[in-house]
Amino acid sequence: MIKLKKSILISAPPDKVFDVLDDTARIPEIWHNLSNIRNFQRLPNGGSSFDFDYVMASIKIQGSSVDLEYVRPSRLVTRTTGGLVSTMIWMFNPASNGAKTDLAVEIEYEVPIPLVGKLAEIIIAKINETDVVYVLNYLMLKFR
């Protein structure tokens, strides 16, 4: 199990930042290795589910995503299955009297080591970290 934690201060209130991450149409723009979003459904809890393609180290992986927790605008917990199994916890904490957001993400995922080997696991972990930093920087720059 690989764990990754990152955070960033964004110059927008939590509800605005939450709205961007909740907009399925923006997913390929936000997660640059994610594409072909399909079978989108809004869930009774307010969250969503969808299928996707993800390119990691030149390998195309198909997966599914479902929001397990959807507490607008403070918390979003998403589970993905497919080539990689992951849980992402997004926490939108107000800062500067609610004018800014301290956005934190915690991700736990498993790489199928027998399929890829230990060296590939290290490379995949670095790629995933780079992707998360890309998402956080995208959000920071969006609200500049």
Protein backbone atom coordinates (compact mmCIF):
# COMPACT_ATOMS: atom_id res chain seq x y z
CA MET A 1 0.00 0.00 0.00
CA ILE A 2 1.37 3.37 -1.03
CA LYS A 3 0.28 6.51 0.83
CA LEU A 4 0.58 10.02 -0.50
CA LYS A 5 -0.31 13.27 1.29
CA LYS A 6 -0.18 16.74 -0.25
CA SER A 7 -1.73 20.12 0.45
CA ILE A 8 -1.85 23.58 -1.04
CA LEU A 9 -3.36 26.98 -0.22
CA ILE A 10 -5.79 28.17 -2.89
CA SER A 11 -7.07 31.74 -3.24
CA ALA A 12 -10.75 30.82 -3.40
CA PRO A 13 -13.36 29.74 -0.87
CA PRO A 14 -13.91 26.00 -0.32
CA ASP A 15 -17.21 25.84 -2.21
CA LYS A 16 -15.58 27.22 -5.39
CA VAL A 17 -12.68 24.76 -5.19
CA PHE A 18 -15.05 21.89 -4.43
CA ASP A 19 -17.15 22.80 -7.48
CA VAL A 20 -14.15 22.46 -9.79
CA LEU A 21 -13.24 18.98 -8.49
CA ASP A 22 -16.89 17.97 -8.64
CA ASP A 23 -17.28 18.97 -12.32
CA THR A 24 -16.91 15.70 -14.24
CA ALA A 25 -16.56 17.57 -17.55
CA ARG A 26 -13.31 19.09 -16.22
CA ILE A 27 -11.71 15.83 -15.13
CA PRO A 28 -9.53 15.37 -18.25
CA GLU A 29 -8.41 19.01 -17.87
CA ILE A 30 -7.55 18.53 -14.18
CA TRP A 31 -6.10 14.99 -14.32
CA HIS A 32 -4.08 15.19 -17.53
CA ASN A 33 -3.60 11.38 -17.77
CA LEU A 34 -7.33 10.66 -17.41
CA SER A 35 -9.56 10.48 -20.48
CA ASN A 36 -12.68 9.00 -22.00
CA ILE A 37 -15.01 9.70 -19.08
CA ARG A 38 -18.14 7.60 -19.61
CA ASN A 39 -21.16 6.13 -17.81
CA PHE A 40 -21.40 9.21 -15.58
CA GLN A 41 -24.10 9.05 -12.90
CA ARG A 42 -25.03 11.42 -10.09
CA LEU A 43 -25.45 9.39 -6.89
CA PRO A 44 -28.07 9.77 -4.14
CA ASN A 45 -25.34 11.04 -1.78
CA GLY A 46 -24.69 13.96 -4.20
CA GLY A 47 -21.43 12.51 -5.48
CA SER A 48 -20.86 10.77 -8.78
CA SER A 49 -19.63 7.60 -10.39
CA PHE A 50 -18.06 7.08 -13.80
CA ASP A 51 -15.72 4.91 -15.81
CA PHE A 52 -12.47 6.24 -17.27
CA ASP A 53 -9.24 5.47 -19.10
CA TYR A 54 -5.95 6.35 -17.42
CA VAL A 55 -2.51 6.32 -19.01
CA MET A 56 0.31 5.48 -16.64
CA ALA A 57 3.86 4.96 -17.89
CA SER A 58 2.46 4.53 -21.44
CA ILE A 59 0.07 1.81 -20.25
CA LYS A 60 -3.67 2.38 -20.73
CA ILE A 61 -5.69 1.31 -17.71
CA GLN A 62 -9.47 1.23 -17.52
CA GLY A 63 -11.09 2.00 -14.21
CA SER A 64 -14.15 3.13 -12.33
CA SER A 65 -14.61 5.88 -9.78
CA VAL A 66 -17.29 6.34 -7.13
CA ASP A 67 -17.69 9.04 -4.50
CA LEU A 68 -18.16 7.25 -1.16
CA GLU A 69 -18.51 10.47 0.85
CA TYR A 70 -19.75 13.76 -0.51
CA VAL A 71 -19.90 16.52 2.09
CA ARG A 72 -20.04 19.76 0.13
CA PRO A 73 -17.91 21.87 0.50
CA SER A 74 -15.63 20.25 3.06
CA ARG A 75 -14.88 16.62 2.19
CA LEU A 76 -14.89 14.27 -0.78
CA VAL A 77 -13.86 10.61 -0.57
CA THR A 78 -13.45 8.78 -3.86
CA ARG A 79 -12.70 5.11 -4.49
CA THR A 80 -11.27 3.94 -7.80
CA THR A 81 -11.05 0.37 -9.02
CA GLY A 82 -9.62 -1.20 -12.12
CA GLY A 83 -5.90 -1.40 -12.87
CA LEU A 84 -5.19 0.37 -9.57
CA VAL A 85 -7.32 0.37 -6.46
CA SER A 86 -7.20 3.69 -4.63
CA THR A 87 -8.96 5.83 -2.07
CA MET A 88 -8.64 9.62 -2.30
CA ILE A 89 -9.69 11.84 0.58
CA TRP A 90 -10.02 15.52 -0.33
CA MET A 91 -10.36 17.99 2.56
CA PHE A 92 -11.38 21.59 1.82
CA ASN A 93 -10.53 23.64 4.90
CA PRO A 94 -11.40 27.35 5.00
CA ALA A 95 -8.52 29.76 5.56
CA SER A 96 -8.26 33.57 5.76
CA ASN A 97 -11.83 33.97 7.04
CA GLY A 98 -13.16 31.64 4.33
CA ALA A 99 -11.64 33.60 1.42
CA LYS A 100 -9.06 30.87 0.79
CA THR A 101 -8.95 27.09 0.95
CA ASP A 102 -6.33 24.88 2.50
CA LEU A 103 -6.83 21.89 0.21
CA ALA A 104 -5.37 18.61 1.45
CA VAL A 105 -5.47 15.25 -0.28
CA GLU A 106 -4.58 11.84 1.11
CA ILE A 107 -4.34 8.97 -1.34
CA GLU A 108 -3.81 5.30 -0.63
CA TYR A 109 -3.41 2.89 -3.50
CA GLU A 110 -2.10 -0.52 -4.37
CA VAL A 111 0.07 -1.38 -7.34
CA PRO A 112 -0.26 -4.99 -8.52
CA ILE A 113 3.43 -5.78 -7.84
CA PRO A 114 3.39 -9.32 -9.27
CA LEU A 115 2.31 -7.78 -12.56
CA VAL A 116 4.76 -4.89 -12.73
CA GLY A 117 7.66 -5.60 -10.36
CA LYS A 118 9.17 -3.54 -7.54
CA LEU A 119 11.08 -1.10 -9.78
CA ALA A 120 7.94 -0.35 -11.77
CA GLU A 121 6.08 0.21 -8.49
CA ILE A 122 8.59 2.94 -7.56
CA ILE A 123 8.20 4.56 -10.98
CA ILE A 124 4.40 4.39 -10.80
CA ALA A 125 4.45 5.94 -7.32
CA LYS A 126 6.50 8.86 -8.65
CA ILE A 127 4.17 9.29 -11.63
CA ASN A 128 1.15 9.34 -9.32
CA GLU A 129 2.78 11.90 -7.05
CA THR A 130 3.53 14.09 -10.07
CA ASP A 131 -0.12 13.79 -11.18
CA VAL A 132 -1.41 14.88 -7.77
CA VAL A 133 0.96 17.86 -7.69
CA TYR A 134 -0.29 18.77 -11.19
CA VAL A 135 -3.91 18.74 -9.95
CA LEU A 136 -3.11 20.89 -6.92
CA ASN A 137 -1.14 23.38 -9.01
CA TYR A 138 -3.92 23.49 -11.59
CA LEU A 139 -6.38 24.45 -8.86
CA MET A 140 -4.03 27.01 -7.36
CA LEU A 141 -3.45 28.67 -10.74
CA LYS A 142 -7.14 28.56 -11.65
CA PHE A 143 -7.97 30.83 -8.72
CA ARG A 144 -5.07 33.24 -8.97
